Protein backbone atom coordinates (compact mmCIF):
# COMPACT_ATOMS: atom_id res chain seq x y z
CA MET A 1 29.81 -6.78 -6.23
CA SER A 2 30.25 -4.22 -8.97
CA PRO A 3 27.52 -1.70 -9.80
CA ARG A 4 27.10 -3.41 -13.20
CA VAL A 5 25.95 -6.52 -11.35
CA ALA A 6 24.33 -4.92 -8.29
CA ILE A 7 21.96 -2.54 -10.10
CA PRO A 8 20.30 -5.24 -12.26
CA VAL A 9 20.01 -7.46 -9.16
CA ILE A 10 18.38 -4.61 -7.24
CA LEU A 11 15.97 -3.95 -10.12
CA GLY A 12 15.14 -7.66 -10.36
CA VAL A 13 14.51 -8.02 -6.64
CA SER A 14 12.38 -4.86 -6.70
CA ALA A 15 10.35 -6.14 -9.66
CA LEU A 16 9.77 -9.47 -7.89
CA ALA A 17 8.65 -7.67 -4.73
CA VAL A 18 6.20 -5.50 -6.68
CA ALA A 19 4.89 -8.52 -8.62
CA PHE A 20 4.36 -10.40 -5.37
CA LEU A 21 2.53 -7.43 -3.88
CA PHE A 22 0.22 -7.14 -6.89
CA TRP A 23 -0.47 -10.88 -6.72
CA LEU A 24 -1.21 -10.60 -3.02
CA ILE A 25 -3.63 -7.70 -3.51
CA TYR A 26 -5.34 -8.81 -6.72
CA GLY A 27 -4.77 -12.56 -7.07
CA PHE A 28 -4.65 -14.03 -3.58
CA ALA A 29 -7.95 -15.18 -2.09
CA GLY A 30 -6.83 -14.42 1.49
CA PHE A 31 -6.76 -16.55 4.58
CA ALA A 32 -9.97 -17.85 6.09
CA GLY A 33 -10.47 -17.78 9.82
CA GLU A 34 -9.89 -15.49 12.76
CA THR A 35 -7.86 -12.41 11.86
CA ASP A 36 -8.99 -10.00 14.58
CA ALA A 37 -5.79 -10.67 16.49
CA PHE A 38 -3.98 -8.66 13.81
CA SER A 39 -6.27 -5.62 13.80
CA PHE A 40 -3.37 -3.57 15.22
CA LEU A 41 -1.42 -3.83 11.96
CA PRO A 42 -2.71 -0.67 10.21
CA ALA A 43 -1.80 1.52 13.20
CA LEU A 44 1.56 -0.23 13.57
CA ASN A 45 2.26 0.24 9.85
CA ALA A 46 1.39 3.95 10.06
CA THR A 47 3.71 4.27 13.06
CA LEU A 48 6.52 2.54 11.17
CA ASN A 49 5.98 4.91 8.23
CA ALA A 50 6.19 7.89 10.61
CA VAL A 51 9.38 6.50 12.18
CA SER A 52 10.88 5.98 8.73
CA ALA A 53 10.07 9.54 7.62
CA SER A 54 11.42 10.95 10.88
CA CYS A 55 14.66 8.98 10.56
CA VAL A 56 15.15 10.11 6.96
CA VAL A 57 14.62 13.76 7.88
CA ALA A 58 16.91 13.48 10.91
CA GLY A 59 19.46 11.66 8.73
CA ILE A 60 19.45 14.54 6.27
CA PHE A 61 20.09 17.02 9.07
CA ALA A 62 22.84 14.78 10.45
CA ILE A 63 24.71 14.50 7.15
CA ARG A 64 24.39 18.23 6.51
CA ALA A 65 25.97 18.75 9.93
CA ARG A 66 28.74 16.33 8.84
CA ARG A 67 27.70 13.82 11.50
CA LYS A 68 28.34 10.79 9.28
CA GLN A 69 27.96 8.11 11.94
CA ALA A 70 24.65 9.53 13.16
CA HIS A 71 23.50 9.76 9.53
CA GLY A 72 24.36 6.09 9.01
CA TRP A 73 22.46 4.99 12.11
CA LEU A 74 19.44 7.11 11.25
CA MET A 75 19.29 5.79 7.70
CA ALA A 76 19.64 2.24 9.04
CA GLY A 77 16.70 3.00 11.34
CA ALA A 78 14.68 4.31 8.39
CA THR A 79 15.50 1.18 6.42
CA VAL A 80 14.53 -1.16 9.26
CA ALA A 81 11.28 0.76 9.89
CA SER A 82 10.43 0.61 6.18
CA ALA A 83 11.25 -3.11 5.98
CA LEU A 84 9.10 -3.86 9.04
CA PHE A 85 6.32 -1.75 7.48
CA LEU A 86 6.51 -3.86 4.32
CA VAL A 87 6.21 -7.09 6.32
CA GLY A 88 3.23 -5.68 8.25
CA TYR A 89 1.63 -4.38 5.08
CA LEU A 90 1.94 -7.76 3.34
CA LEU A 91 0.56 -9.56 6.40
CA HIS A 92 -2.36 -7.14 6.69
CA HIS A 93 -3.28 -7.54 3.01
CA ALA A 94 -2.93 -11.33 3.23
CA LEU A 95 -5.34 -11.37 6.19
CA HIS A 96 -7.75 -8.54 5.39
CA GLY A 97 -7.41 -7.50 1.74
CA ASP A 98 -8.08 -3.91 0.73
CA THR A 99 -9.93 -1.36 2.84
CA ARG A 100 -12.49 0.70 0.97
CA PHE A 101 -12.51 4.46 1.40
CA ALA A 102 -15.75 5.66 3.00
CA GLY A 103 -15.34 9.40 2.48
CA GLU A 104 -17.65 11.27 0.12
CA GLY A 105 -17.63 14.57 -1.71
CA TRP A 106 -14.54 16.72 -2.24
CA VAL A 107 -12.39 14.50 -0.03
CA ARG A 108 -12.60 11.49 -2.41
CA PRO A 109 -10.44 12.99 -5.18
CA VAL A 110 -8.01 14.31 -2.57
CA TYR A 111 -7.71 10.85 -0.99
CA PHE A 112 -7.32 9.08 -4.33
CA PHE A 113 -4.70 11.58 -5.52
CA ILE A 114 -2.71 10.90 -2.34
CA LEU A 115 -3.25 7.14 -2.61
CA ILE A 116 -2.32 6.90 -6.30
CA THR A 117 0.82 9.02 -5.98
CA HIS A 118 1.72 7.07 -2.82
CA VAL A 119 1.39 3.69 -4.58
CA VAL A 120 3.23 4.75 -7.75
CA LEU A 121 6.09 6.32 -5.81
CA ALA A 122 6.24 3.36 -3.39
CA VAL A 123 6.99 1.13 -6.39
CA VAL A 124 9.63 3.59 -7.57
CA VAL A 125 11.27 4.19 -4.20
CA LEU A 126 12.12 0.56 -3.45
CA PRO A 127 14.91 0.23 -6.04
CA MET A 128 15.97 3.81 -5.31
CA VAL A 129 16.46 3.05 -1.60
CA LEU A 130 18.21 -0.26 -2.31
CA THR A 131 20.53 1.42 -4.82
CA THR A 132 21.33 4.28 -2.46
CA LEU A 133 22.07 1.78 0.32
CA TYR A 134 24.22 -0.30 -2.03
CA PHE A 135 26.32 2.75 -2.94
CA ALA A 136 26.81 3.51 0.78
CA ALA A 137 27.71 -0.10 1.61
CA ALA A 138 30.15 -0.17 -1.34
CA ARG A 139 31.57 3.17 -0.16
CA LEU A 140 30.86 4.73 -3.55
CA TRP A 141 30.21 8.07 -1.89
CA SER A 142 29.77 10.31 -4.92
CA ALA A 143 27.26 7.87 -6.45
CA HIS A 144 25.58 7.56 -3.05
CA ARG A 145 25.20 11.35 -2.77
CA ARG A 146 23.87 11.71 -6.32
CA MET A 147 21.31 8.93 -5.79
CA ALA A 148 20.35 10.09 -2.28
CA ARG A 149 19.38 13.54 -3.59
CA TRP A 150 16.62 11.85 -5.60
CA THR A 151 15.81 9.09 -3.10
CA TYR A 152 15.21 11.01 0.11
CA PRO A 153 12.36 13.29 -1.05
CA VAL A 154 10.54 10.32 -2.61
CA TRP A 155 11.11 8.21 0.51
CA ILE A 156 9.78 10.97 2.75
CA TYR A 157 6.75 11.51 0.50
CA VAL A 158 5.90 7.79 0.45
CA SER A 159 6.29 7.50 4.23
CA VAL A 160 4.26 10.62 5.03
CA THR A 161 1.48 9.78 2.57
CA GLY A 162 1.37 6.27 4.03
CA VAL A 163 0.49 7.85 7.36
CA LEU A 164 -2.09 10.08 5.65
CA VAL A 165 -3.71 7.07 3.97
CA PHE A 166 -4.02 5.42 7.39
CA PHE A 167 -5.70 8.53 8.83
CA PHE A 168 -8.06 8.80 5.87
CA LEU A 169 -9.09 5.15 6.16
CA ARG A 170 -9.06 4.55 9.91
CA VAL A 171 -9.43 7.87 11.71
CA TRP A 172 -11.10 10.57 9.62
CA PHE A 173 -13.39 8.43 7.41
CA PRO A 174 -13.69 4.94 8.88
CA GLY A 175 -16.58 2.69 8.13
CA ALA A 176 -16.23 0.74 4.94
């Protein structure tokens, strides 16, 4: 598939994914019934975010050391971890909806700054990651390198702030 076809497809798939997520969060009534069996999902999702960030960082070190095969495997690991995170995130929101932040005082604007930048960049990073992966799969290495220079810092930021959001909601300020 040529980039002239692939890029619009990637943007379309990304837009559909974001639209589905917004519907799930703001338009879906949720499932009724017992959902306690899935209470592990926030911790699992935070772990998957941490694994993704770790793989991206290790992948950067690998490619800078010209270890191309290790880089490929690490980026595949980051992609799988991020995809599993997305599935867990969607399932958690379908079962539980949003979690309200219970912190008060100076920590509220800090939390909301992290949350808002996390959400906005999470929307942006999906097509960036898919495009970067497409360029690698198509062996368009110069395009891959150019795109990856923009993708990896955003991907790391989204993954790390995802872990921070978990800690804000579940560890440091639980209770809402």
